[in-house]
Amino acid sequence: MILVTGATGNVGGRVSQRLGTDAAGRALTHNPHSASLPGDVVRGGLSLPDTLDTCLSGVAAVFLIRAFFTAEAAPAFLNAVTKHARRLVYLSSEGAGDDLEQQTDTITARIAAKLAA
């Protein structure tokens, strides 16, 4: 099972449509009733830590569209993903480089730090 964040957006919507038809995807959205997506659609959000464990239950991978949440919310999300999923695919216009001090995106910086450890 692959959890898709940003499931109602342009990229996330396409990924959700494709995975949902194969019953391999779970779409994460704040309002599942208004989302026109196939397959498993769950209510939750990256900045709603109380929803993450339920949304990630049974998930082996997460397709993370560039996250727009505060630095305070990032640890809860990453901890929940680490607990449930073996893989994280992060789609962003920015990428993790070798120089951690130059990372401007919270998630990219944390991923780079984990990879460097």
PDB file of N, CA and C in Angstrom:
ATOM      1  N   MET A   1       0.841  -1.175   0.000  1.00  0.00           N
ATOM      2  CA  MET A   1       0.000   0.000   0.000  1.00  0.00           C
ATOM      3  C   MET A   1       0.889   1.241   0.000  1.00  0.00           C
ATOM      4  N   ILE A   2       0.546   2.207  -0.827  1.00  0.00           N
ATOM      5  CA  ILE A   2       1.289   3.462  -0.939  1.00  0.00           C
ATOM      6  C   ILE A   2       0.366   4.607  -0.554  1.00  0.00           C
ATOM      7  N   LEU A   3       0.762   5.387   0.439  1.00  0.00           N
ATOM      8  CA  LEU A   3       0.003   6.561   0.841  1.00  0.00           C
ATOM      9  C   LEU A   3       0.451   7.733  -0.019  1.00  0.00           C
ATOM     10  N   VAL A   4      -0.500   8.410  -0.639  1.00  0.00           N
ATOM     11  CA  VAL A   4      -0.202   9.562  -1.489  1.00  0.00           C
ATOM     12  C   VAL A   4      -0.663  10.829  -0.785  1.00  0.00           C
ATOM     13  N   THR A   5       0.273  11.718  -0.489  1.00  0.00           N
ATOM     14  CA  THR A   5      -0.089  13.014   0.059  1.00  0.00           C
ATOM     15  C   THR A   5      -0.357  13.958  -1.104  1.00  0.00           C
ATOM     16  N   GLY A   6      -1.072  15.029  -0.852  1.00  0.00           N
ATOM     17  CA  GLY A   6      -1.406  15.947  -1.934  1.00  0.00           C
ATOM     18  C   GLY A   6      -2.274  15.275  -2.982  1.00  0.00           C
ATOM     19  N   ALA A   7      -3.112  14.351  -2.527  1.00  0.00           N
ATOM     20  CA  ALA A   7      -3.866  13.481  -3.430  1.00  0.00           C
ATOM     21  C   ALA A   7      -4.915  14.197  -4.262  1.00  0.00           C
ATOM     22  N   THR A   8      -5.286  15.400  -3.889  1.00  0.00           N
ATOM     23  CA  THR A   8      -6.278  16.126  -4.684  1.00  0.00           C
ATOM     24  C   THR A   8      -5.633  17.186  -5.570  1.00  0.00           C
ATOM     25  N   GLY A   9      -4.310  17.265  -5.567  1.00  0.00           N
ATOM     26  CA  GLY A   9      -3.601  18.224  -6.418  1.00  0.00           C
ATOM     27  C   GLY A   9      -3.303  17.646  -7.787  1.00  0.00           C
ATOM     28  N   ASN A  10      -2.545  18.370  -8.577  1.00  0.00           N
ATOM     29  CA  ASN A  10      -2.238  17.946  -9.944  1.00  0.00           C
ATOM     30  C   ASN A  10      -1.451  16.641 -10.000  1.00  0.00           C
ATOM     31  N   VAL A  11      -0.289  16.621  -9.396  1.00  0.00           N
ATOM     32  CA  VAL A  11       0.555  15.413  -9.433  1.00  0.00           C
ATOM     33  C   VAL A  11      -0.024  14.326  -8.545  1.00  0.00           C
ATOM     34  N   GLY A  12      -0.347  14.673  -7.304  1.00  0.00           N
ATOM     35  CA  GLY A  12      -0.899  13.697  -6.368  1.00  0.00           C
ATOM     36  C   GLY A  12      -2.191  13.085  -6.863  1.00  0.00           C
ATOM     37  N   GLY A  13      -3.006  13.880  -7.541  1.00  0.00           N
ATOM     38  CA  GLY A  13      -4.255  13.369  -8.107  1.00  0.00           C
ATOM     39  C   GLY A  13      -4.014  12.318  -9.175  1.00  0.00           C
ATOM     40  N   ARG A  14      -3.031  12.569 -10.025  1.00  0.00           N
ATOM     41  CA  ARG A  14      -2.687  11.583 -11.073  1.00  0.00           C
ATOM     42  C   ARG A  14      -2.147  10.295 -10.469  1.00  0.00           C
ATOM     43  N   VAL A  15      -1.267  10.440  -9.479  1.00  0.00           N
ATOM     44  CA  VAL A  15      -0.702   9.266  -8.817  1.00  0.00           C
ATOM     45  C   VAL A  15      -1.820   8.493  -8.116  1.00  0.00           C
ATOM     46  N   SER A  16      -2.703   9.199  -7.424  1.00  0.00           N
ATOM     47  CA  SER A  16      -3.822   8.551  -6.725  1.00  0.00           C
ATOM     48  C   SER A  16      -4.749   7.834  -7.690  1.00  0.00           C
ATOM     49  N   GLN A  17      -5.040   8.466  -8.825  1.00  0.00           N
ATOM     50  CA  GLN A  17      -5.903   7.832  -9.825  1.00  0.00           C
ATOM     51  C   GLN A  17      -5.291   6.515 -10.297  1.00  0.00           C
ATOM     52  N   ARG A  18      -4.015   6.542 -10.591  1.00  0.00           N
ATOM     53  CA  ARG A  18      -3.334   5.345 -11.118  1.00  0.00           C
ATOM     54  C   ARG A  18      -3.249   4.238 -10.061  1.00  0.00           C
ATOM     55  N   LEU A  19      -2.832   4.594  -8.862  1.00  0.00           N
ATOM     56  CA  LEU A  19      -2.695   3.589  -7.802  1.00  0.00           C
ATOM     57  C   LEU A  19      -4.048   3.086  -7.327  1.00  0.00           C
ATOM     58  N   GLY A  20      -5.027   3.977  -7.293  1.00  0.00           N
ATOM     59  CA  GLY A  20      -6.363   3.598  -6.837  1.00  0.00           C
ATOM     60  C   GLY A  20      -7.010   2.564  -7.726  1.00  0.00           C
ATOM     61  N   THR A  21      -6.747   2.641  -9.010  1.00  0.00           N
ATOM     62  CA  THR A  21      -7.324   1.655  -9.926  1.00  0.00           C
ATOM     63  C   THR A  21      -6.659   0.295  -9.757  1.00  0.00           C
ATOM     64  N   ASP A  22      -5.447   0.290  -9.229  1.00  0.00           N
ATOM     65  CA  ASP A  22      -4.731  -0.968  -8.980  1.00  0.00           C
ATOM     66  C   ASP A  22      -4.906  -1.447  -7.543  1.00  0.00           C
ATOM     67  N   ALA A  23      -5.682  -0.727  -6.753  1.00  0.00           N
ATOM     68  CA  ALA A  23      -5.923  -1.039  -5.335  1.00  0.00           C
ATOM     69  C   ALA A  23      -4.633  -1.063  -4.528  1.00  0.00           C
ATOM     70  N   ALA A  24      -3.623  -0.310  -4.983  1.00  0.00           N
ATOM     71  CA  ALA A  24      -2.350  -0.264  -4.274  1.00  0.00           C
ATOM     72  C   ALA A  24      -2.130   1.070  -3.587  1.00  0.00           C
ATOM     73  N   GLY A  25      -3.090   1.995  -3.742  1.00  0.00           N
ATOM     74  CA  GLY A  25      -2.889   3.331  -3.207  1.00  0.00           C
ATOM     75  C   GLY A  25      -3.917   3.736  -2.181  1.00  0.00           C
ATOM     76  N   ARG A  26      -3.493   4.653  -1.339  1.00  0.00           N
ATOM     77  CA  ARG A  26      -4.376   5.267  -0.353  1.00  0.00           C
ATOM     78  C   ARG A  26      -4.162   6.772  -0.475  1.00  0.00           C
ATOM     79  N   ALA A  27      -5.227   7.489  -0.737  1.00  0.00           N
ATOM     80  CA  ALA A  27      -5.153   8.936  -0.919  1.00  0.00           C
ATOM     81  C   ALA A  27      -5.394   9.639   0.408  1.00  0.00           C
ATOM     82  N   LEU A  28      -4.522  10.577   0.745  1.00  0.00           N
ATOM     83  CA  LEU A  28      -4.641  11.364   1.972  1.00  0.00           C
ATOM     84  C   LEU A  28      -5.219  12.726   1.613  1.00  0.00           C
ATOM     85  N   THR A  29      -6.326  13.092   2.250  1.00  0.00           N
ATOM     86  CA  THR A  29      -6.967  14.376   1.983  1.00  0.00           C
ATOM     87  C   THR A  29      -7.703  14.867   3.228  1.00  0.00           C
ATOM     88  N   HIS A  30      -7.871  16.170   3.317  1.00  0.00           N
ATOM     89  CA  HIS A  30      -8.599  16.739   4.451  1.00  0.00           C
ATOM     90  C   HIS A  30     -10.089  16.445   4.360  1.00  0.00           C
ATOM     91  N   ASN A  31     -10.601  16.276   3.147  1.00  0.00           N
ATOM     92  CA  ASN A  31     -12.030  16.049   2.966  1.00  0.00           C
ATOM     93  C   ASN A  31     -12.272  14.925   1.958  1.00  0.00           C
ATOM     94  N   PRO A  32     -12.264  13.671   2.410  1.00  0.00           N
ATOM     95  CA  PRO A  32     -12.412  12.542   1.489  1.00  0.00           C
ATOM     96  C   PRO A  32     -13.756  12.508   0.769  1.00  0.00           C
ATOM     97  N   HIS A  33     -14.785  13.101   1.350  1.00  0.00           N
ATOM     98  CA  HIS A  33     -16.113  13.063   0.735  1.00  0.00           C
ATOM     99  C   HIS A  33     -16.176  13.905  -0.533  1.00  0.00           C
ATOM    100  N   SER A  34     -15.354  14.944  -0.625  1.00  0.00           N
ATOM    101  CA  SER A  34     -15.370  15.786  -1.821  1.00  0.00           C
ATOM    102  C   SER A  34     -14.316  15.364  -2.840  1.00  0.00           C
ATOM    103  N   ALA A  35     -13.452  14.426  -2.470  1.00  0.00           N
ATOM    104  CA  ALA A  35     -12.410  13.960  -3.395  1.00  0.00           C
ATOM    105  C   ALA A  35     -12.990  12.898  -4.328  1.00  0.00           C
ATOM    106  N   SER A  36     -12.820  13.102  -5.599  1.00  0.00           N
ATOM    107  CA  SER A  36     -13.297  12.130  -6.594  1.00  0.00           C
ATOM    108  C   SER A  36     -12.144  11.209  -6.967  1.00  0.00           C
ATOM    109  N   LEU A  37     -11.784  10.340  -6.053  1.00  0.00           N
ATOM    110  CA  LEU A  37     -10.645   9.455  -6.256  1.00  0.00           C
ATOM    111  C   LEU A  37     -11.063   8.002  -6.071  1.00  0.00           C
ATOM    112  N   PRO A  38     -10.474   7.107  -6.858  1.00  0.00           N
ATOM    113  CA  PRO A  38     -10.774   5.692  -6.674  1.00  0.00           C
ATOM    114  C   PRO A  38     -10.001   5.124  -5.490  1.00  0.00           C
ATOM    115  N   GLY A  39     -10.392   3.962  -5.056  1.00  0.00           N
ATOM    116  CA  GLY A  39      -9.644   3.256  -4.021  1.00  0.00           C
ATOM    117  C   GLY A  39      -9.860   3.810  -2.633  1.00  0.00           C
ATOM    118  N   ASP A  40      -8.874   3.621  -1.809  1.00  0.00           N
ATOM    119  CA  ASP A  40      -8.912   3.970  -0.394  1.00  0.00           C
ATOM    120  C   ASP A  40      -8.591   5.456  -0.224  1.00  0.00           C
ATOM    121  N   VAL A  41      -9.537   6.231   0.260  1.00  0.00           N
ATOM    122  CA  VAL A  41      -9.338   7.665   0.499  1.00  0.00           C
ATOM    123  C   VAL A  41      -9.556   7.901   1.993  1.00  0.00           C
ATOM    124  N   VAL A  42      -8.544   8.476   2.661  1.00  0.00           N
ATOM    125  CA  VAL A  42      -8.618   8.675   4.105  1.00  0.00           C
ATOM    126  C   VAL A  42      -8.524  10.146   4.458  1.00  0.00           C
ATOM    127  N   ARG A  43      -9.167  10.489   5.576  1.00  0.00           N
ATOM    128  CA  ARG A  43      -9.113  11.855   6.077  1.00  0.00           C
ATOM    129  C   ARG A  43      -7.881  12.025   6.952  1.00  0.00           C
ATOM    130  N   GLY A  44      -7.104  13.049   6.647  1.00  0.00           N
ATOM    131  CA  GLY A  44      -5.925  13.339   7.441  1.00  0.00           C
ATOM    132  C   GLY A  44      -5.131  14.455   6.820  1.00  0.00           C
ATOM    133  N   GLY A  45      -4.012  14.746   7.432  1.00  0.00           N
ATOM    134  CA  GLY A  45      -3.162  15.805   6.919  1.00  0.00           C
ATOM    135  C   GLY A  45      -1.783  15.749   7.542  1.00  0.00           C
ATOM    136  N   LEU A  46      -0.819  16.281   6.811  1.00  0.00           N
ATOM    137  CA  LEU A  46       0.558  16.283   7.292  1.00  0.00           C
ATOM    138  C   LEU A  46       0.708  17.101   8.563  1.00  0.00           C
ATOM    139  N   SER A  47      -0.110  18.125   8.705  1.00  0.00           N
ATOM    140  CA  SER A  47      -0.019  18.966   9.892  1.00  0.00           C
ATOM    141  C   SER A  47      -1.049  18.580  10.957  1.00  0.00           C
ATOM    142  N   LEU A  48      -1.670  17.412  10.788  1.00  0.00           N
ATOM    143  CA  LEU A  48      -2.636  16.898  11.763  1.00  0.00           C
ATOM    144  C   LEU A  48      -2.086  15.595  12.353  1.00  0.00           C
ATOM    145  N   PRO A  49      -1.166  15.690  13.310  1.00  0.00           N
ATOM    146  CA  PRO A  49      -0.476  14.505  13.806  1.00  0.00           C
ATOM    147  C   PRO A  49      -1.392  13.427  14.371  1.00  0.00           C
ATOM    148  N   ASP A  50      -2.551  13.794  14.876  1.00  0.00           N
ATOM    149  CA  ASP A  50      -3.470  12.799  15.438  1.00  0.00           C
ATOM    150  C   ASP A  50      -4.051  11.875  14.373  1.00  0.00           C
ATOM    151  N   THR A  51      -3.966  12.252  13.111  1.00  0.00           N
ATOM    152  CA  THR A  51      -4.534  11.439  12.034  1.00  0.00           C
ATOM    153  C   THR A  51      -3.510  10.506  11.394  1.00  0.00           C
ATOM    154  N   LEU A  52      -2.239  10.726  11.649  1.00  0.00           N
ATOM    155  CA  LEU A  52      -1.189  10.055  10.879  1.00  0.00           C
ATOM    156  C   LEU A  52      -1.108   8.546  11.099  1.00  0.00           C
ATOM    157  N   ASP A  53      -1.163   8.087  12.332  1.00  0.00           N
ATOM    158  CA  ASP A  53      -1.042   6.641  12.576  1.00  0.00           C
ATOM    159  C   ASP A  53      -2.143   5.862  11.872  1.00  0.00           C
ATOM    160  N   THR A  54      -3.364   6.362  11.920  1.00  0.00           N
ATOM    161  CA  THR A  54      -4.474   5.694  11.246  1.00  0.00           C
ATOM    162  C   THR A  54      -4.275   5.692   9.738  1.00  0.00           C
ATOM    163  N   CYS A  55      -3.877   6.831   9.187  1.00  0.00           N
ATOM    164  CA  CYS A  55      -3.679   6.944   7.738  1.00  0.00           C
ATOM    165  C   CYS A  55      -2.527   6.068   7.249  1.00  0.00           C
ATOM    166  N   LEU A  56      -1.520   5.889   8.082  1.00  0.00           N
ATOM    167  CA  LEU A  56      -0.339   5.121   7.688  1.00  0.00           C
ATOM    168  C   LEU A  56      -0.427   3.633   8.008  1.00  0.00           C
ATOM    169  N   SER A  57      -1.480   3.208   8.678  1.00  0.00           N
ATOM    170  CA  SER A  57      -1.636   1.800   9.030  1.00  0.00           C
ATOM    171  C   SER A  57      -1.678   0.931   7.769  1.00  0.00           C
ATOM    172  N   GLY A  58      -0.787  -0.040   7.686  1.00  0.00           N
ATOM    173  CA  GLY A  58      -0.734  -0.942   6.541  1.00  0.00           C
ATOM    174  C   GLY A  58      -0.006  -0.387   5.333  1.00  0.00           C
ATOM    175  N   VAL A  59       0.607   0.779   5.472  1.00  0.00           N
ATOM    176  CA  VAL A  59       1.296   1.440   4.362  1.00  0.00           C
ATOM    177  C   VAL A  59       2.767   1.013   4.343  1.00  0.00           C
ATOM    178  N   ALA A  60       3.256   0.664   3.151  1.00  0.00           N
ATOM    179  CA  ALA A  60       4.660   0.285   3.000  1.00  0.00           C
ATOM    180  C   ALA A  60       5.510   1.434   2.464  1.00  0.00           C
ATOM    181  N   ALA A  61       4.861   2.391   1.784  1.00  0.00           N
ATOM    182  CA  ALA A  61       5.587   3.513   1.189  1.00  0.00           C
ATOM    183  C   ALA A  61       4.714   4.756   1.203  1.00  0.00           C
ATOM    184  N   VAL A  62       5.375   5.906   1.187  1.00  0.00           N
ATOM    185  CA  VAL A  62       4.680   7.190   1.158  1.00  0.00           C
ATOM    186  C   VAL A  62       5.198   7.988  -0.026  1.00  0.00           C
ATOM    187  N   PHE A  63       4.267   8.515  -0.820  1.00  0.00           N
ATOM    188  CA  PHE A  63       4.597   9.434  -1.907  1.00  0.00           C
ATOM    189  C   PHE A  63       4.285  10.820  -1.380  1.00  0.00           C
ATOM    190  N   LEU A  64       5.324  11.555  -1.023  1.00  0.00           N
ATOM    191  CA  LEU A  64       5.185  12.858  -0.376  1.00  0.00           C
ATOM    192  C   LEU A  64       5.397  13.964  -1.395  1.00  0.00           C
ATOM    193  N   ILE A  65       4.321  14.696  -1.668  1.00  0.00           N
ATOM    194  CA  ILE A  65       4.423  15.879  -2.509  1.00  0.00           C
ATOM    195  C   ILE A  65       4.966  16.992  -1.624  1.00  0.00           C
ATOM    196  N   ARG A  66       5.744  17.875  -2.171  1.00  0.00           N
ATOM    197  CA  ARG A  66       6.353  18.965  -1.402  1.00  0.00           C
ATOM    198  C   ARG A  66       5.437  19.417  -0.277  1.00  0.00           C
ATOM    199  N   ALA A  67       5.913  19.222   0.915  1.00  0.00           N
ATOM    200  CA  ALA A  67       5.113  19.505   2.110  1.00  0.00           C
ATOM    201  C   ALA A  67       5.143  20.989   2.457  1.00  0.00           C
ATOM    202  N   PHE A  68       3.998  21.526   2.762  1.00  0.00           N
ATOM    203  CA  PHE A  68       3.905  22.918   3.180  1.00  0.00           C
ATOM    204  C   PHE A  68       3.375  22.971   4.607  1.00  0.00           C
ATOM    205  N   PHE A  69       4.209  22.568   5.546  1.00  0.00           N
ATOM    206  CA  PHE A  69       3.831  22.696   6.941  1.00  0.00           C
ATOM    207  C   PHE A  69       5.000  23.244   7.725  1.00  0.00           C
ATOM    208  N   THR A  70       4.755  23.605   8.952  1.00  0.00           N
ATOM    209  CA  THR A  70       5.770  24.264   9.762  1.00  0.00           C
ATOM    210  C   THR A  70       6.851  23.287  10.211  1.00  0.00           C
ATOM    211  N   ALA A  71       7.956  23.842  10.613  1.00  0.00           N
ATOM    212  CA  ALA A  71       9.057  23.027  11.121  1.00  0.00           C
ATOM    213  C   ALA A  71       8.626  22.249  12.363  1.00  0.00           C
ATOM    214  N   GLU A  72       7.677  22.789  13.122  1.00  0.00           N
ATOM    215  CA  GLU A  72       7.196  22.102  14.318  1.00  0.00           C
ATOM    216  C   GLU A  72       6.405  20.842  13.978  1.00  0.00           C
ATOM    217  N   ALA A  73       5.730  20.822  12.841  1.00  0.00           N
ATOM    218  CA  ALA A  73       4.907  19.671  12.451  1.00  0.00           C
ATOM    219  C   ALA A  73       5.720  18.571  11.777  1.00  0.00           C
ATOM    220  N   ALA A  74       6.857  18.902  11.221  1.00  0.00           N
ATOM    221  CA  ALA A  74       7.659  17.933  10.464  1.00  0.00           C
ATOM    222  C   ALA A  74       8.097  16.718  11.284  1.00  0.00           C
ATOM    223  N   PRO A  75       8.590  16.882  12.517  1.00  0.00           N
ATOM    224  CA  PRO A  75       9.034  15.705  13.268  1.00  0.00           C
ATOM    225  C   PRO A  75       7.925  14.678  13.496  1.00  0.00           C
ATOM    226  N   ALA A  76       6.716  15.132  13.806  1.00  0.00           N
ATOM    227  CA  ALA A  76       5.605  14.197  14.037  1.00  0.00           C
ATOM    228  C   ALA A  76       5.313  13.395  12.774  1.00  0.00           C
ATOM    229  N   PHE A  77       5.328  14.066  11.634  1.00  0.00           N
ATOM    230  CA  PHE A  77       5.079  13.378  10.373  1.00  0.00           C
ATOM    231  C   PHE A  77       6.183  12.362  10.086  1.00  0.00           C
ATOM    232  N   LEU A  78       7.440  12.780  10.190  1.00  0.00           N
ATOM    233  CA  LEU A  78       8.552  11.878   9.898  1.00  0.00           C
ATOM    234  C   LEU A  78       8.604  10.704  10.872  1.00  0.00           C
ATOM    235  N   ASN A  79       8.299  10.939  12.138  1.00  0.00           N
ATOM    236  CA  ASN A  79       8.263   9.844  13.112  1.00  0.00           C
ATOM    237  C   ASN A  79       7.169   8.839  12.774  1.00  0.00           C
ATOM    238  N   ALA A  80       6.006   9.326  12.377  1.00  0.00           N
ATOM    239  CA  ALA A  80       4.907   8.434  12.008  1.00  0.00           C
ATOM    240  C   ALA A  80       5.254   7.625  10.773  1.00  0.00           C
ATOM    241  N   VAL A  81       5.858   8.266   9.783  1.00  0.00           N
ATOM    242  CA  VAL A  81       6.257   7.551   8.560  1.00  0.00           C
ATOM    243  C   VAL A  81       7.291   6.485   8.896  1.00  0.00           C
ATOM    244  N   THR A  82       8.275   6.840   9.711  1.00  0.00           N
ATOM    245  CA  THR A  82       9.328   5.898  10.091  1.00  0.00           C
ATOM    246  C   THR A  82       8.757   4.672  10.802  1.00  0.00           C
ATOM    247  N   LYS A  83       7.709   4.883  11.588  1.00  0.00           N
ATOM    248  CA  LYS A  83       7.073   3.795  12.326  1.00  0.00           C
ATOM    249  C   LYS A  83       6.337   2.815  11.409  1.00  0.00           C
ATOM    250  N   HIS A  84       5.792   3.314  10.307  1.00  0.00           N
ATOM    251  CA  HIS A  84       4.916   2.493   9.472  1.00  0.00           C
ATOM    252  C   HIS A  84       5.506   2.090   8.123  1.00  0.00           C
ATOM    253  N   ALA A  85       6.170   2.993   7.445  1.00  0.00           N
ATOM    254  CA  ALA A  85       6.572   2.755   6.055  1.00  0.00           C
ATOM    255  C   ALA A  85       8.059   2.450   5.932  1.00  0.00           C
ATOM    256  N   ARG A  86       8.376   1.654   4.941  1.00  0.00           N
ATOM    257  CA  ARG A  86       9.785   1.331   4.671  1.00  0.00           C
ATOM    258  C   ARG A  86      10.398   2.293   3.668  1.00  0.00           C
ATOM    259  N   ARG A  87       9.555   2.945   2.865  1.00  0.00           N
ATOM    260  CA  ARG A  87      10.063   3.827   1.811  1.00  0.00           C
ATOM    261  C   ARG A  87       9.328   5.158   1.822  1.00  0.00           C
ATOM    262  N   LEU A  88      10.066   6.202   1.424  1.00  0.00           N
ATOM    263  CA  LEU A  88       9.496   7.523   1.270  1.00  0.00           C
ATOM    264  C   LEU A  88      10.004   8.085  -0.047  1.00  0.00           C
ATOM    265  N   VAL A  89       9.083   8.454  -0.918  1.00  0.00           N
ATOM    266  CA  VAL A  89       9.430   9.130  -2.165  1.00  0.00           C
ATOM    267  C   VAL A  89       9.007  10.574  -1.982  1.00  0.00           C
ATOM    268  N   TYR A  90       9.943  11.486  -2.117  1.00  0.00           N
ATOM    269  CA  TYR A  90       9.679  12.896  -1.871  1.00  0.00           C
ATOM    270  C   TYR A  90       9.808  13.668  -3.169  1.00  0.00           C
ATOM    271  N   LEU A  91       8.717  14.214  -3.643  1.00  0.00           N
ATOM    272  CA  LEU A  91       8.704  15.010  -4.868  1.00  0.00           C
ATOM    273  C   LEU A  91       8.742  16.474  -4.491  1.00  0.00           C
ATOM    274  N   SER A  92       9.773  17.155  -4.922  1.00  0.00           N
ATOM    275  CA  SER A  92       9.943  18.551  -4.581  1.00  0.00           C
ATOM    276  C   SER A  92      10.683  19.254  -5.710  1.00  0.00           C
ATOM    277  N   SER A  93      10.521  20.559  -5.757  1.00  0.00           N
ATOM    278  CA  SER A  93      11.295  21.337  -6.716  1.00  0.00           C
ATOM    279  C   SER A  93      12.713  21.555  -6.191  1.00  0.00           C
ATOM    280  N   GLU A  94      12.905  21.255  -4.927  1.00  0.00           N
ATOM    281  CA  GLU A  94      14.223  21.365  -4.317  1.00  0.00           C
ATOM    282  C   GLU A  94      14.740  19.958  -4.052  1.00  0.00           C
ATOM    283  N   GLY A  95      16.024  19.787  -3.980  1.00  0.00           N
ATOM    284  CA  GLY A  95      16.588  18.478  -3.697  1.00  0.00           C
ATOM    285  C   GLY A  95      17.591  18.554  -2.578  1.00  0.00           C
ATOM    286  N   ALA A  96      17.790  17.441  -1.926  1.00  0.00           N
ATOM    287  CA  ALA A  96      18.760  17.385  -0.832  1.00  0.00           C
ATOM    288  C   ALA A  96      20.157  17.280  -1.414  1.00  0.00           C
ATOM    289  N   GLY A  97      20.988  18.215  -1.068  1.00  0.00           N
ATOM    290  CA  GLY A  97      22.370  18.204  -1.512  1.00  0.00           C
ATOM    291  C   GLY A  97      23.290  17.774  -0.396  1.00  0.00           C
ATOM    292  N   ASP A  98      24.565  17.884  -0.635  1.00  0.00           N
ATOM    293  CA  ASP A  98      25.535  17.489   0.366  1.00  0.00           C
ATOM    294  C   ASP A  98      25.679  18.519   1.491  1.00  0.00           C
ATOM    295  N   ASP A  99      25.348  19.772   1.206  1.00  0.00           N
ATOM    296  CA  ASP A  99      25.539  20.838   2.178  1.00  0.00           C
ATOM    297  C   ASP A  99      24.250  21.074   2.961  1.00  0.00           C
ATOM    298  N   LEU A 100      24.151  20.499   4.160  1.00  0.00           N
ATOM    299  CA  LEU A 100      22.938  20.597   4.967  1.00  0.00           C
ATOM    300  C   LEU A 100      22.560  22.042   5.305  1.00  0.00           C
ATOM    301  N   GLU A 101      23.546  22.917   5.436  1.00  0.00           N
ATOM    302  CA  GLU A 101      23.259  24.301   5.793  1.00  0.00           C
ATOM    303  C   GLU A 101      22.518  25.041   4.676  1.00  0.00           C
ATOM    304  N   GLN A 102      22.606  24.550   3.450  1.00  0.00           N
ATOM    305  CA  GLN A 102      21.963  25.228   2.328  1.00  0.00           C
ATOM    306  C   GLN A 102      20.530  24.762   2.088  1.00  0.00           C
ATOM    307  N   GLN A 103      20.050  23.778   2.823  1.00  0.00           N
ATOM    308  CA  GLN A 103      18.691  23.276   2.626  1.00  0.00           C
ATOM    309  C   GLN A 103      17.689  24.289   3.164  1.00  0.00           C
ATOM    310  N   THR A 104      16.749  24.710   2.324  1.00  0.00           N
ATOM    311  CA  THR A 104      15.766  25.710   2.732  1.00  0.00           C
ATOM    312  C   THR A 104      14.422  25.078   3.071  1.00  0.00           C
ATOM    313  N   ASP A 105      14.197  23.854   2.666  1.00  0.00           N
ATOM    314  CA  ASP A 105      12.938  23.167   2.919  1.00  0.00           C
ATOM    315  C   ASP A 105      13.099  22.262   4.131  1.00  0.00           C
ATOM    316  N   THR A 106      12.167  22.335   5.069  1.00  0.00           N
ATOM    317  CA  THR A 106      12.261  21.589   6.328  1.00  0.00           C
ATOM    318  C   THR A 106      12.401  20.092   6.103  1.00  0.00           C
ATOM    319  N   ILE A 107      11.544  19.517   5.284  1.00  0.00           N
ATOM    320  CA  ILE A 107      11.585  18.072   5.048  1.00  0.00           C
ATOM    321  C   ILE A 107      12.872  17.673   4.344  1.00  0.00           C
ATOM    322  N   THR A 108      13.274  18.421   3.323  1.00  0.00           N
ATOM    323  CA  THR A 108      14.513  18.118   2.607  1.00  0.00           C
ATOM    324  C   THR A 108      15.685  18.132   3.559  1.00  0.00           C
ATOM    325  N   ALA A 109      15.759  19.127   4.439  1.00  0.00           N
ATOM    326  CA  ALA A 109      16.855  19.213   5.394  1.00  0.00           C
ATOM    327  C   ALA A 109      16.872  18.023   6.334  1.00  0.00           C
ATOM    328  N   ARG A 110      15.685  17.620   6.811  1.00  0.00           N
ATOM    329  CA  ARG A 110      15.624  16.464   7.743  1.00  0.00           C
ATOM    330  C   ARG A 110      15.984  15.156   7.046  1.00  0.00           C
ATOM    331  N   ILE A 111      15.524  15.006   5.816  1.00  0.00           N
ATOM    332  CA  ILE A 111      15.879  13.796   5.053  1.00  0.00           C
ATOM    333  C   ILE A 111      17.376  13.770   4.801  1.00  0.00           C
ATOM    334  N   ALA A 112      17.951  14.905   4.411  1.00  0.00           N
ATOM    335  CA  ALA A 112      19.389  14.980   4.175  1.00  0.00           C
ATOM    336  C   ALA A 112      20.173  14.655   5.447  1.00  0.00           C
ATOM    337  N   ALA A 113      19.687  15.140   6.591  1.00  0.00           N
ATOM    338  CA  ALA A 113      20.365  14.869   7.857  1.00  0.00           C
ATOM    339  C   ALA A 113      20.307  13.382   8.192  1.00  0.00           C
ATOM    340  N   LYS A 114      19.151  12.754   7.951  1.00  0.00           N
ATOM    341  CA  LYS A 114      19.027  11.305   8.225  1.00  0.00           C
ATOM    342  C   LYS A 114      19.944  10.505   7.307  1.00  0.00           C
ATOM    343  N   LEU A 115      20.033  10.920   6.029  1.00  0.00           N
ATOM    344  CA  LEU A 115      20.894  10.219   5.081  1.00  0.00           C
ATOM    345  C   LEU A 115      22.365  10.381   5.432  1.00  0.00           C
ATOM    346  N   ALA A 116      22.708  11.535   5.985  1.00  0.00           N
ATOM    347  CA  ALA A 116      24.094  11.802   6.344  1.00  0.00           C
ATOM    348  C   ALA A 116      24.524  11.077   7.610  1.00  0.00           C
ATOM    349  N   ALA A 117      23.544  10.707   8.427  1.00  0.00           N
ATOM    350  CA  ALA A 117      23.844  10.061   9.716  1.00  0.00           C
ATOM    351  C   ALA A 117      24.322   8.636   9.555  1.00  0.00           C
TER     352      ALA A 117
END
